[in-house]
Amino acid sequence: MLIESIRHKALRRFAETGKAKGLPSEVISRIGLMLLFLDQAVSTDALLAPPNYGAHQLSGDRAGTWALTVTRNWRMTFSLDEEGAIVDLDLEDYH
C-alpha cells in the first residue's frame, strides 16, 4: 500500500529522512517497523496479519479510519483513498 500523505509532522520527517526528533523515544524502532509493514502491505486483509499491531477500523464519527496499536496509548491512524493508498497517516496519543 502506497503511503500518499502523512499528517503528523514528526512522523513525516521520520519517514522521509529517518530523523526521529519529535517522536516518543520509546517507540521509534516500532514506528519504523510499522511504516515498513504499511509500505509492504498489499491489501486491507494484509493489515490484519500481525496480531500485535491490532489493526482495526474505527467506528462512530471516525468510521472508515484504520488504527494500528503502537503502544498502549499511541496509535497510528489512517484512511484509504479510492485506489487503496494510505492517506492522512497520523500518530495519536489516545490518553
N, C-alpha and C. Protein backbone atom coordinates (compact mmCIF):
# COMPACT_ATOMS: atom_id res chain seq x y z
N MET A 1 0.86 -1.16 0.00
CA MET A 1 0.00 0.00 0.00
C MET A 1 0.90 1.22 0.00
N LEU A 2 0.66 2.09 -0.90
CA LEU A 2 1.44 3.31 -1.01
C LEU A 2 1.00 4.31 0.06
N ILE A 3 1.96 4.93 0.73
CA ILE A 3 1.64 5.97 1.70
C ILE A 3 1.66 7.30 0.96
N GLU A 4 0.49 7.84 0.72
CA GLU A 4 0.35 9.08 -0.05
C GLU A 4 0.61 10.33 0.78
N SER A 5 0.09 10.36 2.01
CA SER A 5 0.25 11.56 2.82
C SER A 5 0.35 11.21 4.30
N ILE A 6 1.18 11.98 5.00
CA ILE A 6 1.37 11.81 6.43
C ILE A 6 1.04 13.13 7.11
N ARG A 7 0.06 13.09 7.99
CA ARG A 7 -0.43 14.29 8.66
C ARG A 7 0.52 14.73 9.78
N HIS A 8 1.01 13.80 10.58
CA HIS A 8 1.85 14.10 11.74
C HIS A 8 3.23 14.58 11.27
N LYS A 9 3.60 15.79 11.64
CA LYS A 9 4.83 16.41 11.15
C LYS A 9 6.09 15.61 11.48
N ALA A 10 6.24 15.18 12.73
CA ALA A 10 7.43 14.42 13.12
C ALA A 10 7.45 13.04 12.46
N LEU A 11 6.29 12.42 12.31
CA LEU A 11 6.21 11.13 11.64
C LEU A 11 6.60 11.26 10.18
N ARG A 12 6.15 12.34 9.53
CA ARG A 12 6.51 12.59 8.13
C ARG A 12 8.02 12.77 7.99
N ARG A 13 8.62 13.55 8.89
CA ARG A 13 10.07 13.78 8.85
C ARG A 13 10.81 12.45 9.03
N PHE A 14 10.34 11.62 9.97
CA PHE A 14 10.96 10.32 10.22
C PHE A 14 10.87 9.43 8.98
N ALA A 15 9.72 9.40 8.35
CA ALA A 15 9.52 8.57 7.16
C ALA A 15 10.39 9.04 6.00
N GLU A 16 10.58 10.34 5.87
CA GLU A 16 11.34 10.90 4.76
C GLU A 16 12.84 10.91 4.99
N THR A 17 13.28 11.16 6.24
CA THR A 17 14.71 11.37 6.49
C THR A 17 15.30 10.42 7.52
N GLY A 18 14.47 9.75 8.31
CA GLY A 18 14.97 8.89 9.37
C GLY A 18 15.27 9.63 10.66
N LYS A 19 15.05 10.94 10.69
CA LYS A 19 15.27 11.74 11.89
C LYS A 19 14.04 11.64 12.80
N ALA A 20 14.28 11.20 14.04
CA ALA A 20 13.18 10.89 14.95
C ALA A 20 12.81 12.03 15.88
N LYS A 21 13.33 13.21 15.67
CA LYS A 21 13.01 14.34 16.54
C LYS A 21 11.50 14.57 16.57
N GLY A 22 10.96 14.68 17.80
CA GLY A 22 9.53 14.93 17.96
C GLY A 22 8.69 13.68 18.15
N LEU A 23 9.31 12.50 18.04
CA LEU A 23 8.59 11.24 18.26
C LEU A 23 8.92 10.71 19.64
N PRO A 24 8.00 9.99 20.27
CA PRO A 24 8.30 9.39 21.58
C PRO A 24 9.46 8.41 21.44
N SER A 25 10.52 8.61 22.21
CA SER A 25 11.74 7.81 22.06
C SER A 25 11.52 6.32 22.28
N GLU A 26 10.57 5.96 23.12
CA GLU A 26 10.36 4.55 23.44
C GLU A 26 9.70 3.77 22.30
N VAL A 27 9.22 4.44 21.26
CA VAL A 27 8.51 3.73 20.19
C VAL A 27 9.13 3.93 18.81
N ILE A 28 10.27 4.54 18.73
CA ILE A 28 10.87 4.86 17.43
C ILE A 28 11.12 3.61 16.59
N SER A 29 11.71 2.58 17.17
CA SER A 29 12.00 1.38 16.38
C SER A 29 10.70 0.70 15.93
N ARG A 30 9.71 0.67 16.80
CA ARG A 30 8.42 0.06 16.42
C ARG A 30 7.76 0.87 15.30
N ILE A 31 7.82 2.18 15.38
CA ILE A 31 7.24 3.02 14.32
C ILE A 31 7.92 2.74 12.99
N GLY A 32 9.24 2.60 13.02
CA GLY A 32 9.96 2.28 11.79
C GLY A 32 9.51 0.97 11.18
N LEU A 33 9.34 -0.05 12.02
CA LEU A 33 8.85 -1.35 11.54
C LEU A 33 7.43 -1.25 11.00
N MET A 34 6.61 -0.45 11.66
CA MET A 34 5.22 -0.31 11.23
C MET A 34 5.13 0.42 9.89
N LEU A 35 5.98 1.42 9.69
CA LEU A 35 6.00 2.12 8.40
C LEU A 35 6.41 1.17 7.28
N LEU A 36 7.41 0.33 7.54
CA LEU A 36 7.81 -0.67 6.54
C LEU A 36 6.67 -1.65 6.26
N PHE A 37 6.00 -2.08 7.32
CA PHE A 37 4.88 -3.00 7.18
C PHE A 37 3.78 -2.39 6.31
N LEU A 38 3.41 -1.13 6.60
CA LEU A 38 2.36 -0.46 5.82
C LEU A 38 2.76 -0.32 4.36
N ASP A 39 4.02 -0.01 4.13
CA ASP A 39 4.51 0.15 2.77
C ASP A 39 4.47 -1.17 1.99
N GLN A 40 4.68 -2.29 2.68
CA GLN A 40 4.71 -3.60 2.03
C GLN A 40 3.34 -4.27 1.94
N ALA A 41 2.36 -3.80 2.72
CA ALA A 41 1.03 -4.43 2.70
C ALA A 41 0.40 -4.28 1.32
N VAL A 42 -0.26 -5.32 0.87
CA VAL A 42 -0.87 -5.29 -0.46
C VAL A 42 -2.38 -5.12 -0.43
N SER A 43 -2.98 -5.28 0.76
CA SER A 43 -4.43 -5.16 0.87
C SER A 43 -4.81 -4.92 2.32
N THR A 44 -6.08 -4.61 2.54
CA THR A 44 -6.54 -4.43 3.92
C THR A 44 -6.49 -5.76 4.68
N ASP A 45 -6.63 -6.87 3.99
CA ASP A 45 -6.51 -8.18 4.65
C ASP A 45 -5.10 -8.36 5.22
N ALA A 46 -4.11 -7.85 4.51
CA ALA A 46 -2.72 -7.96 4.97
C ALA A 46 -2.50 -7.15 6.25
N LEU A 47 -3.29 -6.11 6.47
CA LEU A 47 -3.15 -5.31 7.69
C LEU A 47 -3.47 -6.12 8.93
N LEU A 48 -4.30 -7.13 8.77
CA LEU A 48 -4.74 -7.94 9.91
C LEU A 48 -3.74 -9.05 10.26
N ALA A 49 -2.71 -9.24 9.45
CA ALA A 49 -1.76 -10.34 9.63
C ALA A 49 -1.00 -10.28 10.95
N PRO A 50 -0.26 -9.22 11.26
CA PRO A 50 0.47 -9.25 12.52
C PRO A 50 -0.47 -8.95 13.70
N PRO A 51 -0.74 -9.93 14.53
CA PRO A 51 -1.71 -9.73 15.60
C PRO A 51 -1.28 -8.69 16.63
N ASN A 52 0.01 -8.42 16.76
CA ASN A 52 0.44 -7.46 17.77
C ASN A 52 0.27 -6.01 17.33
N TYR A 53 -0.15 -5.77 16.09
CA TYR A 53 -0.45 -4.40 15.66
C TYR A 53 -1.91 -4.04 15.90
N GLY A 54 -2.74 -5.02 16.13
CA GLY A 54 -4.13 -4.77 16.48
C GLY A 54 -4.89 -3.94 15.46
N ALA A 55 -4.68 -4.17 14.19
CA ALA A 55 -5.35 -3.38 13.15
C ALA A 55 -6.85 -3.51 13.26
N HIS A 56 -7.52 -2.36 13.22
CA HIS A 56 -8.99 -2.35 13.24
C HIS A 56 -9.49 -1.04 12.67
N GLN A 57 -10.74 -1.09 12.23
CA GLN A 57 -11.38 0.12 11.74
C GLN A 57 -12.12 0.78 12.89
N LEU A 58 -12.06 2.10 12.93
CA LEU A 58 -12.76 2.85 13.96
C LEU A 58 -14.23 2.97 13.58
N SER A 59 -15.04 3.34 14.53
CA SER A 59 -16.47 3.49 14.28
C SER A 59 -16.92 4.89 14.70
N GLY A 60 -18.21 5.11 14.63
CA GLY A 60 -18.77 6.40 15.01
C GLY A 60 -18.37 7.50 14.05
N ASP A 61 -17.98 8.64 14.60
CA ASP A 61 -17.62 9.78 13.74
C ASP A 61 -16.28 9.57 13.04
N ARG A 62 -15.56 8.51 13.38
CA ARG A 62 -14.28 8.19 12.73
C ARG A 62 -14.39 6.94 11.86
N ALA A 63 -15.60 6.58 11.49
CA ALA A 63 -15.82 5.41 10.63
C ALA A 63 -15.01 5.56 9.35
N GLY A 64 -14.40 4.47 8.91
CA GLY A 64 -13.59 4.50 7.70
C GLY A 64 -12.11 4.74 7.99
N THR A 65 -11.78 5.07 9.23
CA THR A 65 -10.40 5.27 9.63
C THR A 65 -9.86 3.98 10.22
N TRP A 66 -8.65 3.62 9.85
CA TRP A 66 -7.97 2.45 10.39
C TRP A 66 -7.06 2.88 11.53
N ALA A 67 -6.81 1.97 12.48
CA ALA A 67 -5.89 2.23 13.58
C ALA A 67 -5.00 1.02 13.79
N LEU A 68 -3.72 1.29 14.08
CA LEU A 68 -2.76 0.27 14.47
C LEU A 68 -2.20 0.66 15.83
N THR A 69 -2.03 -0.32 16.69
CA THR A 69 -1.51 -0.05 18.03
C THR A 69 0.01 0.03 18.01
N VAL A 70 0.54 1.18 18.43
CA VAL A 70 1.99 1.34 18.57
C VAL A 70 2.37 0.92 19.99
N THR A 71 1.74 1.52 20.99
CA THR A 71 1.88 1.13 22.39
C THR A 71 0.49 1.19 23.01
N ARG A 72 0.44 1.06 24.33
CA ARG A 72 -0.86 1.12 24.99
C ARG A 72 -1.65 2.37 24.62
N ASN A 73 -1.00 3.52 24.60
CA ASN A 73 -1.75 4.74 24.35
C ASN A 73 -1.45 5.40 23.01
N TRP A 74 -0.46 4.96 22.27
CA TRP A 74 -0.15 5.55 20.96
C TRP A 74 -0.72 4.68 19.85
N ARG A 75 -1.35 5.33 18.87
CA ARG A 75 -1.91 4.65 17.70
C ARG A 75 -1.49 5.36 16.42
N MET A 76 -1.29 4.58 15.37
CA MET A 76 -1.17 5.13 14.03
C MET A 76 -2.55 5.03 13.42
N THR A 77 -3.05 6.12 12.91
CA THR A 77 -4.36 6.11 12.27
C THR A 77 -4.22 6.59 10.83
N PHE A 78 -5.09 6.11 9.97
CA PHE A 78 -5.03 6.50 8.56
C PHE A 78 -6.33 6.12 7.87
N SER A 79 -6.51 6.69 6.70
CA SER A 79 -7.63 6.35 5.83
C SER A 79 -7.07 5.79 4.54
N LEU A 80 -7.92 5.20 3.74
CA LEU A 80 -7.55 4.69 2.43
C LEU A 80 -8.31 5.46 1.37
N ASP A 81 -7.61 5.83 0.29
CA ASP A 81 -8.29 6.52 -0.80
C ASP A 81 -8.91 5.50 -1.77
N GLU A 82 -9.47 5.96 -2.86
CA GLU A 82 -10.16 5.09 -3.81
C GLU A 82 -9.24 4.03 -4.41
N GLU A 83 -7.95 4.35 -4.56
CA GLU A 83 -7.00 3.41 -5.14
C GLU A 83 -6.40 2.47 -4.09
N GLY A 84 -6.76 2.65 -2.83
CA GLY A 84 -6.24 1.80 -1.76
C GLY A 84 -4.95 2.32 -1.15
N ALA A 85 -4.57 3.56 -1.46
CA ALA A 85 -3.37 4.15 -0.88
C ALA A 85 -3.69 4.74 0.50
N ILE A 86 -2.69 4.76 1.35
CA ILE A 86 -2.84 5.30 2.70
C ILE A 86 -2.75 6.82 2.65
N VAL A 87 -3.74 7.47 3.25
CA VAL A 87 -3.74 8.94 3.31
C VAL A 87 -3.95 9.39 4.75
N ASP A 88 -3.45 10.56 5.04
CA ASP A 88 -3.60 11.17 6.37
C ASP A 88 -3.10 10.28 7.51
N LEU A 89 -1.94 9.64 7.28
CA LEU A 89 -1.33 8.81 8.33
C LEU A 89 -0.98 9.73 9.50
N ASP A 90 -1.39 9.33 10.69
CA ASP A 90 -1.19 10.17 11.86
C ASP A 90 -0.71 9.33 13.03
N LEU A 91 -0.08 9.97 13.99
CA LEU A 91 0.33 9.33 15.23
C LEU A 91 -0.43 10.04 16.33
N GLU A 92 -1.27 9.28 17.05
CA GLU A 92 -2.15 9.88 18.04
C GLU A 92 -1.93 9.28 19.41
N ASP A 93 -1.97 10.14 20.42
CA ASP A 93 -1.93 9.72 21.81
C ASP A 93 -3.38 9.61 22.28
N TYR A 94 -3.84 8.40 22.51
CA TYR A 94 -5.25 8.17 22.89
C TYR A 94 -5.55 8.57 24.31
N HIS A 95 -4.53 8.85 25.13
CA HIS A 95 -4.79 9.17 26.54
C HIS A 95 -4.27 10.53 26.88
